[in-house]
């Protein structure tokens, strides 16, 4: 197992960011997705910017 973060496009719903984070840390992907949704609603959409930044930078 590599310590390097990678997008998981095979198991991802959209761009594979949440599933890549979940695979990297060994978490459930639905928890990561839920955290992004809550972060988007609570942060007035700022989590969307983080999501796309990670998608552009990774891989």
PDB file of N, CA and C in Angstrom:
ATOM      1  N   UNK A   1       0.840  -1.191   0.000  1.00  0.00           N
ATOM      2  CA  UNK A   1       0.000   0.000   0.000  1.00  0.00           C
ATOM      3  C   UNK A   1       0.877   1.245   0.000  1.00  0.00           C
ATOM      4  N   UNK A   2       0.541   2.156  -0.873  1.00  0.00           N
ATOM      5  CA  UNK A   2       1.303   3.383  -1.003  1.00  0.00           C
ATOM      6  C   UNK A   2       0.767   4.447  -0.052  1.00  0.00           C
ATOM      7  N   UNK A   3       1.653   5.283   0.442  1.00  0.00           N
ATOM      8  CA  UNK A   3       1.240   6.391   1.302  1.00  0.00           C
ATOM      9  C   UNK A   3       0.771   7.584   0.493  1.00  0.00           C
ATOM     10  N   UNK A   4       0.925   7.517  -0.818  1.00  0.00           N
ATOM     11  CA  UNK A   4       0.559   8.621  -1.688  1.00  0.00           C
ATOM     12  C   UNK A   4      -0.948   8.637  -1.931  1.00  0.00           C
ATOM     13  N   UNK A   5      -1.547   9.812  -1.874  1.00  0.00           N
ATOM     14  CA  UNK A   5      -2.982   9.957  -2.123  1.00  0.00           C
ATOM     15  C   UNK A   5      -3.265   9.863  -3.607  1.00  0.00           C
ATOM     16  N   UNK A   6      -4.302   9.114  -3.949  1.00  0.00           N
ATOM     17  CA  UNK A   6      -4.728   8.985  -5.335  1.00  0.00           C
ATOM     18  C   UNK A   6      -6.242   9.085  -5.407  1.00  0.00           C
ATOM     19  N   UNK A   7      -6.735   9.638  -6.498  1.00  0.00           N
ATOM     20  CA  UNK A   7      -8.168   9.638  -6.734  1.00  0.00           C
ATOM     21  C   UNK A   7      -8.611   8.211  -7.027  1.00  0.00           C
ATOM     22  N   UNK A   8      -9.787   7.847  -6.563  1.00  0.00           N
ATOM     23  CA  UNK A   8     -10.328   6.514  -6.786  1.00  0.00           C
ATOM     24  C   UNK A   8     -11.510   6.631  -7.740  1.00  0.00           C
ATOM     25  N   UNK A   9     -11.193   6.785  -9.022  1.00  0.00           N
ATOM     26  CA  UNK A   9     -12.242   7.000 -10.013  1.00  0.00           C
ATOM     27  C   UNK A   9     -13.092   5.764 -10.250  1.00  0.00           C
ATOM     28  N   UNK A  10     -12.540   4.591 -10.013  1.00  0.00           N
ATOM     29  CA  UNK A  10     -13.303   3.354 -10.225  1.00  0.00           C
ATOM     30  C   UNK A  10     -14.451   3.229  -9.234  1.00  0.00           C
ATOM     31  N   UNK A  11     -14.244   3.643  -8.004  1.00  0.00           N
ATOM     32  CA  UNK A  11     -15.273   3.540  -6.968  1.00  0.00           C
ATOM     33  C   UNK A  11     -15.938   4.875  -6.654  1.00  0.00           C
ATOM     34  N   UNK A  12     -15.510   5.918  -7.317  1.00  0.00           N
ATOM     35  CA  UNK A  12     -16.042   7.238  -7.021  1.00  0.00           C
ATOM     36  C   UNK A  12     -17.348   7.528  -7.721  1.00  0.00           C
ATOM     37  N   UNK A  13     -18.090   8.445  -7.167  1.00  0.00           N
ATOM     38  CA  UNK A  13     -19.352   8.883  -7.768  1.00  0.00           C
ATOM     39  C   UNK A  13     -19.117  10.042  -8.730  1.00  0.00           C
ATOM     40  N   UNK A  14     -18.237  10.960  -8.342  1.00  0.00           N
ATOM     41  CA  UNK A  14     -17.942  12.129  -9.172  1.00  0.00           C
ATOM     42  C   UNK A  14     -16.484  12.510  -8.945  1.00  0.00           C
ATOM     43  N   UNK A  15     -15.648  12.249  -9.885  1.00  0.00           N
ATOM     44  CA  UNK A  15     -14.214  12.548  -9.879  1.00  0.00           C
ATOM     45  C   UNK A  15     -13.389  11.692  -8.913  1.00  0.00           C
ATOM     46  N   UNK A  16     -13.981  10.992  -7.980  1.00  0.00           N
ATOM     47  CA  UNK A  16     -13.267  10.069  -7.108  1.00  0.00           C
ATOM     48  C   UNK A  16     -12.524  10.677  -5.944  1.00  0.00           C
ATOM     49  N   UNK A  17     -12.824  11.913  -5.596  1.00  0.00           N
ATOM     50  CA  UNK A  17     -12.112  12.574  -4.503  1.00  0.00           C
ATOM     51  C   UNK A  17     -12.469  11.950  -3.157  1.00  0.00           C
ATOM     52  N   UNK A  18     -13.748  11.837  -2.866  1.00  0.00           N
ATOM     53  CA  UNK A  18     -14.172  11.298  -1.561  1.00  0.00           C
ATOM     54  C   UNK A  18     -13.768   9.843  -1.399  1.00  0.00           C
ATOM     55  N   UNK A  19     -13.907   9.053  -2.459  1.00  0.00           N
ATOM     56  CA  UNK A  19     -13.506   7.648  -2.354  1.00  0.00           C
ATOM     57  C   UNK A  19     -11.993   7.519  -2.256  1.00  0.00           C
ATOM     58  N   UNK A  20     -11.247   8.423  -2.857  1.00  0.00           N
ATOM     59  CA  UNK A  20      -9.791   8.416  -2.713  1.00  0.00           C
ATOM     60  C   UNK A  20      -9.360   8.769  -1.297  1.00  0.00           C
ATOM     61  N   UNK A  21     -10.026   9.759  -0.703  1.00  0.00           N
ATOM     62  CA  UNK A  21      -9.732  10.119   0.681  1.00  0.00           C
ATOM     63  C   UNK A  21     -10.057   8.954   1.599  1.00  0.00           C
ATOM     64  N   UNK A  22     -11.216   8.322   1.365  1.00  0.00           N
ATOM     65  CA  UNK A  22     -11.629   7.191   2.192  1.00  0.00           C
ATOM     66  C   UNK A  22     -10.655   6.022   2.060  1.00  0.00           C
ATOM     67  N   UNK A  23     -10.203   5.736   0.859  1.00  0.00           N
ATOM     68  CA  UNK A  23      -9.259   4.640   0.662  1.00  0.00           C
ATOM     69  C   UNK A  23      -7.912   4.938   1.314  1.00  0.00           C
ATOM     70  N   UNK A  24      -7.489   6.186   1.246  1.00  0.00           N
ATOM     71  CA  UNK A  24      -6.193   6.577   1.815  1.00  0.00           C
ATOM     72  C   UNK A  24      -6.171   6.413   3.333  1.00  0.00           C
ATOM     73  N   UNK A  25      -7.268   6.790   3.991  1.00  0.00           N
ATOM     74  CA  UNK A  25      -7.314   6.733   5.447  1.00  0.00           C
ATOM     75  C   UNK A  25      -8.003   5.485   5.995  1.00  0.00           C
ATOM     76  N   UNK A  26      -8.575   4.662   5.115  1.00  0.00           N
ATOM     77  CA  UNK A  26      -9.250   3.450   5.551  1.00  0.00           C
ATOM     78  C   UNK A  26     -10.622   3.714   6.145  1.00  0.00           C
ATOM     79  N   UNK A  27     -11.290   4.744   5.670  1.00  0.00           N
ATOM     80  CA  UNK A  27     -12.604   5.125   6.168  1.00  0.00           C
ATOM     81  C   UNK A  27     -13.679   4.651   5.201  1.00  0.00           C
ATOM     82  N   UNK A  28     -14.928   4.746   5.634  1.00  0.00           N
ATOM     83  CA  UNK A  28     -16.068   4.444   4.787  1.00  0.00           C
ATOM     84  C   UNK A  28     -16.300   5.626   3.829  1.00  0.00           C
ATOM     85  N   UNK A  29     -16.406   5.380   2.524  1.00  0.00           N
ATOM     86  CA  UNK A  29     -16.608   6.496   1.582  1.00  0.00           C
ATOM     87  C   UNK A  29     -17.883   7.301   1.828  1.00  0.00           C
ATOM     88  N   UNK A  30     -18.929   6.663   2.326  1.00  0.00           N
ATOM     89  CA  UNK A  30     -20.169   7.402   2.580  1.00  0.00           C
ATOM     90  C   UNK A  30     -19.997   8.427   3.699  1.00  0.00           C
ATOM     91  N   UNK A  31     -19.138   8.134   4.669  1.00  0.00           N
ATOM     92  CA  UNK A  31     -18.870   9.104   5.737  1.00  0.00           C
ATOM     93  C   UNK A  31     -18.133  10.327   5.187  1.00  0.00           C
ATOM     94  N   UNK A  32     -17.197  10.099   4.287  1.00  0.00           N
ATOM     95  CA  UNK A  32     -16.453  11.208   3.690  1.00  0.00           C
ATOM     96  C   UNK A  32     -17.376  12.046   2.819  1.00  0.00           C
ATOM     97  N   UNK A  33     -18.237  11.379   2.055  1.00  0.00           N
ATOM     98  CA  UNK A  33     -19.200  12.112   1.229  1.00  0.00           C
ATOM     99  C   UNK A  33     -20.155  12.936   2.092  1.00  0.00           C
ATOM    100  N   UNK A  34     -20.617  12.341   3.182  1.00  0.00           N
ATOM    101  CA  UNK A  34     -21.511  13.063   4.089  1.00  0.00           C
ATOM    102  C   UNK A  34     -20.806  14.269   4.703  1.00  0.00           C
ATOM    103  N   UNK A  35     -19.534  14.105   5.032  1.00  0.00           N
ATOM    104  CA  UNK A  35     -18.764  15.221   5.590  1.00  0.00           C
ATOM    105  C   UNK A  35     -18.635  16.351   4.569  1.00  0.00           C
ATOM    106  N   UNK A  36     -18.450  16.020   3.297  1.00  0.00           N
ATOM    107  CA  UNK A  36     -18.367  17.058   2.266  1.00  0.00           C
ATOM    108  C   UNK A  36     -19.709  17.766   2.089  1.00  0.00           C
ATOM    109  N   UNK A  37     -20.802  17.028   2.163  1.00  0.00           N
ATOM    110  CA  UNK A  37     -22.121  17.648   2.037  1.00  0.00           C
ATOM    111  C   UNK A  37     -22.378  18.577   3.212  1.00  0.00           C
ATOM    112  N   UNK A  38     -22.088  18.111   4.417  1.00  0.00           N
ATOM    113  CA  UNK A  38     -22.270  18.947   5.608  1.00  0.00           C
ATOM    114  C   UNK A  38     -21.349  20.162   5.548  1.00  0.00           C
ATOM    115  N   UNK A  39     -20.118  19.957   5.120  1.00  0.00           N
ATOM    116  CA  UNK A  39     -19.184  21.074   4.987  1.00  0.00           C
ATOM    117  C   UNK A  39     -19.628  22.081   3.945  1.00  0.00           C
ATOM    118  N   UNK A  40     -20.243  21.600   2.872  1.00  0.00           N
ATOM    119  CA  UNK A  40     -20.743  22.503   1.839  1.00  0.00           C
ATOM    120  C   UNK A  40     -21.907  23.336   2.362  1.00  0.00           C
ATOM    121  N   UNK A  41     -22.815  22.685   3.070  1.00  0.00           N
ATOM    122  CA  UNK A  41     -23.972  23.411   3.601  1.00  0.00           C
ATOM    123  C   UNK A  41     -23.580  24.368   4.725  1.00  0.00           C
ATOM    124  N   UNK A  42     -22.688  23.946   5.595  1.00  0.00           N
ATOM    125  CA  UNK A  42     -22.282  24.772   6.728  1.00  0.00           C
ATOM    126  C   UNK A  42     -21.319  25.882   6.322  1.00  0.00           C
ATOM    127  N   UNK A  43     -20.524  25.620   5.298  1.00  0.00           N
ATOM    128  CA  UNK A  43     -19.522  26.596   4.894  1.00  0.00           C
ATOM    129  C   UNK A  43     -19.908  27.421   3.690  1.00  0.00           C
ATOM    130  N   UNK A  44     -21.213  27.442   3.372  1.00  0.00           N
ATOM    131  CA  UNK A  44     -21.711  28.249   2.267  1.00  0.00           C
ATOM    132  C   UNK A  44     -21.028  27.917   0.943  1.00  0.00           C
ATOM    133  N   UNK A  45     -20.749  26.630   0.719  1.00  0.00           N
ATOM    134  CA  UNK A  45     -20.195  26.177  -0.553  1.00  0.00           C
ATOM    135  C   UNK A  45     -18.688  26.121  -0.631  1.00  0.00           C
ATOM    136  N   UNK A  46     -17.994  26.445   0.438  1.00  0.00           N
ATOM    137  CA  UNK A  46     -16.532  26.461   0.364  1.00  0.00           C
ATOM    138  C   UNK A  46     -15.942  25.061   0.199  1.00  0.00           C
ATOM    139  N   UNK A  47     -16.648  24.025   0.656  1.00  0.00           N
ATOM    140  CA  UNK A  47     -16.146  22.658   0.496  1.00  0.00           C
ATOM    141  C   UNK A  47     -16.133  22.248  -0.975  1.00  0.00           C
ATOM    142  N   UNK A  48     -17.011  22.840  -1.771  1.00  0.00           N
ATOM    143  CA  UNK A  48     -17.008  22.554  -3.207  1.00  0.00           C
ATOM    144  C   UNK A  48     -15.699  23.023  -3.829  1.00  0.00           C
ATOM    145  N   UNK A  49     -15.227  24.180  -3.415  1.00  0.00           N
ATOM    146  CA  UNK A  49     -13.949  24.686  -3.924  1.00  0.00           C
ATOM    147  C   UNK A  49     -12.796  23.771  -3.517  1.00  0.00           C
ATOM    148  N   UNK A  50     -12.822  23.296  -2.288  1.00  0.00           N
ATOM    149  CA  UNK A  50     -11.798  22.368  -1.807  1.00  0.00           C
ATOM    150  C   UNK A  50     -11.856  21.070  -2.610  1.00  0.00           C
ATOM    151  N   UNK A  51     -13.065  20.578  -2.862  1.00  0.00           N
ATOM    152  CA  UNK A  51     -13.256  19.340  -3.620  1.00  0.00           C
ATOM    153  C   UNK A  51     -12.621  19.461  -5.011  1.00  0.00           C
ATOM    154  N   UNK A  52     -12.933  20.534  -5.723  1.00  0.00           N
ATOM    155  CA  UNK A  52     -12.393  20.709  -7.073  1.00  0.00           C
ATOM    156  C   UNK A  52     -10.888  20.971  -7.053  1.00  0.00           C
ATOM    157  N   UNK A  53     -10.391  21.640  -6.034  1.00  0.00           N
ATOM    158  CA  UNK A  53      -8.953  21.860  -5.923  1.00  0.00           C
ATOM    159  C   UNK A  53      -8.222  20.531  -5.742  1.00  0.00           C
ATOM    160  N   UNK A  54      -8.758  19.656  -4.892  1.00  0.00           N
ATOM    161  CA  UNK A  54      -8.158  18.341  -4.697  1.00  0.00           C
ATOM    162  C   UNK A  54      -8.226  17.542  -5.988  1.00  0.00           C
ATOM    163  N   UNK A  55      -9.340  17.617  -6.693  1.00  0.00           N
ATOM    164  CA  UNK A  55      -9.500  16.885  -7.953  1.00  0.00           C
ATOM    165  C   UNK A  55      -8.496  17.356  -9.003  1.00  0.00           C
ATOM    166  N   UNK A  56      -8.192  18.641  -9.014  1.00  0.00           N
ATOM    167  CA  UNK A  56      -7.236  19.169  -9.992  1.00  0.00           C
ATOM    168  C   UNK A  56      -5.783  18.861  -9.607  1.00  0.00           C
ATOM    169  N   UNK A  57      -5.492  18.871  -8.326  1.00  0.00           N
ATOM    170  CA  UNK A  57      -4.106  18.693  -7.869  1.00  0.00           C
ATOM    171  C   UNK A  57      -3.702  17.226  -7.840  1.00  0.00           C
ATOM    172  N   UNK A  58      -4.610  16.358  -7.396  1.00  0.00           N
ATOM    173  CA  UNK A  58      -4.276  14.928  -7.267  1.00  0.00           C
ATOM    174  C   UNK A  58      -4.206  14.282  -8.638  1.00  0.00           C
ATOM    175  N   UNK A  59      -3.353  13.283  -8.726  1.00  0.00           N
ATOM    176  CA  UNK A  59      -3.149  12.522  -9.965  1.00  0.00           C
ATOM    177  C   UNK A  59      -2.854  13.457 -11.058  1.00  0.00           C
TER     178      UNK A  59
END
